[in-house]
């Protein structure tokens, strides 16, 4: 089974990765590039508690894409509901 890396979004500023607050798209991309090199089959799950956190959700999406996570390797949930691309 593929490892699921969870990016939690609870405000409009930070993306949380295992308790580490990432404040920019670059920080997200750098952290995920390391994860991708350690486990090239990992899947990113961006989980937001509210859809109003556009900026942080965007940082998570763009950082994930820059680190090579897209398509089947990226999912986005808002309030526990999967968003379809």
C-alpha atoms as a PDB file:
ATOM      1  CA  UNK A   1       0.000   0.000   0.000  1.00  0.00           C
ATOM      2  CA  UNK A   2       1.223   3.483  -0.847  1.00  0.00           C
ATOM      3  CA  UNK A   3       2.138   5.836   1.980  1.00  0.00           C
ATOM      4  CA  UNK A   4      -0.353   8.689   2.362  1.00  0.00           C
ATOM      5  CA  UNK A   5       1.246  12.018   3.235  1.00  0.00           C
ATOM      6  CA  UNK A   6      -1.312  14.343   4.796  1.00  0.00           C
ATOM      7  CA  UNK A   7      -1.108  18.104   4.400  1.00  0.00           C
ATOM      8  CA  UNK A   8      -3.540  19.704   6.863  1.00  0.00           C
ATOM      9  CA  UNK A   9      -5.059  23.115   6.206  1.00  0.00           C
ATOM     10  CA  UNK A  10      -6.704  24.829   9.184  1.00  0.00           C
ATOM     11  CA  UNK A  11      -6.036  28.486   8.424  1.00  0.00           C
ATOM     12  CA  UNK A  12      -5.219  30.647   5.416  1.00  0.00           C
ATOM     13  CA  UNK A  13      -1.492  30.972   6.174  1.00  0.00           C
ATOM     14  CA  UNK A  14       0.126  27.601   6.869  1.00  0.00           C
ATOM     15  CA  UNK A  15       0.195  24.095   5.509  1.00  0.00           C
ATOM     16  CA  UNK A  16       0.840  21.561   8.275  1.00  0.00           C
ATOM     17  CA  UNK A  17       2.996  18.519   7.495  1.00  0.00           C
ATOM     18  CA  UNK A  18       3.407  16.268  10.550  1.00  0.00           C
ATOM     19  CA  UNK A  19       3.283  19.241  12.924  1.00  0.00           C
ATOM     20  CA  UNK A  20       5.654  21.393  10.859  1.00  0.00           C
ATOM     21  CA  UNK A  21       4.112  24.660   9.656  1.00  0.00           C
ATOM     22  CA  UNK A  22       5.024  25.408   6.039  1.00  0.00           C
ATOM     23  CA  UNK A  23       4.360  29.048   5.145  1.00  0.00           C
ATOM     24  CA  UNK A  24       5.161  29.195   1.435  1.00  0.00           C
ATOM     25  CA  UNK A  25       4.761  27.200  -1.742  1.00  0.00           C
ATOM     26  CA  UNK A  26       8.556  26.782  -1.810  1.00  0.00           C
ATOM     27  CA  UNK A  27       8.600  25.288   1.693  1.00  0.00           C
ATOM     28  CA  UNK A  28       5.810  22.862   0.739  1.00  0.00           C
ATOM     29  CA  UNK A  29       7.601  21.842  -2.476  1.00  0.00           C
ATOM     30  CA  UNK A  30      10.956  21.327  -0.717  1.00  0.00           C
ATOM     31  CA  UNK A  31       9.427  19.210   2.057  1.00  0.00           C
ATOM     32  CA  UNK A  32       7.490  17.092  -0.436  1.00  0.00           C
ATOM     33  CA  UNK A  33      10.459  16.644  -2.780  1.00  0.00           C
ATOM     34  CA  UNK A  34      12.266  14.973   0.122  1.00  0.00           C
ATOM     35  CA  UNK A  35       9.239  12.764   0.834  1.00  0.00           C
ATOM     36  CA  UNK A  36       8.971  11.907  -2.885  1.00  0.00           C
ATOM     37  CA  UNK A  37      12.631  10.824  -3.021  1.00  0.00           C
ATOM     38  CA  UNK A  38      12.148   8.637   0.084  1.00  0.00           C
ATOM     39  CA  UNK A  39       8.931   7.056  -1.207  1.00  0.00           C
ATOM     40  CA  UNK A  40       8.266   7.580  -4.940  1.00  0.00           C
ATOM     41  CA  UNK A  41       4.861   5.871  -4.708  1.00  0.00           C
ATOM     42  CA  UNK A  42       3.494   8.100  -1.933  1.00  0.00           C
ATOM     43  CA  UNK A  43       0.157   9.885  -2.305  1.00  0.00           C
ATOM     44  CA  UNK A  44      -0.568  13.408  -1.072  1.00  0.00           C
ATOM     45  CA  UNK A  45      -3.840  14.068   0.732  1.00  0.00           C
ATOM     46  CA  UNK A  46      -4.613  17.760   1.185  1.00  0.00           C
ATOM     47  CA  UNK A  47      -7.198  18.002   3.953  1.00  0.00           C
ATOM     48  CA  UNK A  48      -8.886  21.318   4.707  1.00  0.00           C
ATOM     49  CA  UNK A  49     -11.395  21.880   7.484  1.00  0.00           C
ATOM     50  CA  UNK A  50     -13.014  24.738   5.566  1.00  0.00           C
ATOM     51  CA  UNK A  51     -13.080  25.768   1.917  1.00  0.00           C
ATOM     52  CA  UNK A  52     -12.407  29.437   2.765  1.00  0.00           C
ATOM     53  CA  UNK A  53      -8.675  28.824   3.222  1.00  0.00           C
ATOM     54  CA  UNK A  54      -7.942  29.455  -0.472  1.00  0.00           C
ATOM     55  CA  UNK A  55      -4.388  30.719  -0.090  1.00  0.00           C
ATOM     56  CA  UNK A  56      -3.143  27.806   2.022  1.00  0.00           C
ATOM     57  CA  UNK A  57      -4.969  25.255  -0.151  1.00  0.00           C
ATOM     58  CA  UNK A  58      -3.301  26.835  -3.200  1.00  0.00           C
ATOM     59  CA  UNK A  59       0.133  26.614  -1.551  1.00  0.00           C
ATOM     60  CA  UNK A  60      -0.461  22.920  -0.866  1.00  0.00           C
ATOM     61  CA  UNK A  61      -1.644  22.197  -4.420  1.00  0.00           C
ATOM     62  CA  UNK A  62       1.110  24.122  -6.218  1.00  0.00           C
ATOM     63  CA  UNK A  63       3.817  22.855  -3.863  1.00  0.00           C
ATOM     64  CA  UNK A  64       2.614  19.281  -4.422  1.00  0.00           C
ATOM     65  CA  UNK A  65       2.678  19.713  -8.192  1.00  0.00           C
ATOM     66  CA  UNK A  66       6.193  21.179  -8.090  1.00  0.00           C
ATOM     67  CA  UNK A  67       7.346  18.170  -6.062  1.00  0.00           C
ATOM     68  CA  UNK A  68       5.938  15.777  -8.667  1.00  0.00           C
ATOM     69  CA  UNK A  69       2.609  14.829  -7.100  1.00  0.00           C
ATOM     70  CA  UNK A  70      -0.319  15.035  -9.518  1.00  0.00           C
ATOM     71  CA  UNK A  71      -3.163  12.969 -10.914  1.00  0.00           C
ATOM     72  CA  UNK A  72      -3.691   9.732  -8.982  1.00  0.00           C
ATOM     73  CA  UNK A  73      -1.014  10.779  -6.477  1.00  0.00           C
ATOM     74  CA  UNK A  74      -2.923  13.856  -5.257  1.00  0.00           C
ATOM     75  CA  UNK A  75      -6.301  14.139  -3.581  1.00  0.00           C
ATOM     76  CA  UNK A  76      -8.056  17.081  -1.946  1.00  0.00           C
ATOM     77  CA  UNK A  77     -10.637  16.813   0.800  1.00  0.00           C
ATOM     78  CA  UNK A  78     -12.635  19.723   2.224  1.00  0.00           C
ATOM     79  CA  UNK A  79     -14.717  19.026   5.314  1.00  0.00           C
ATOM     80  CA  UNK A  80     -14.069  15.333   4.742  1.00  0.00           C
ATOM     81  CA  UNK A  81     -15.491  15.335   1.189  1.00  0.00           C
ATOM     82  CA  UNK A  82     -13.314  14.439  -1.769  1.00  0.00           C
ATOM     83  CA  UNK A  83     -13.119  17.148  -4.434  1.00  0.00           C
ATOM     84  CA  UNK A  84     -13.204  15.809  -7.962  1.00  0.00           C
ATOM     85  CA  UNK A  85     -10.886  17.360 -10.546  1.00  0.00           C
END
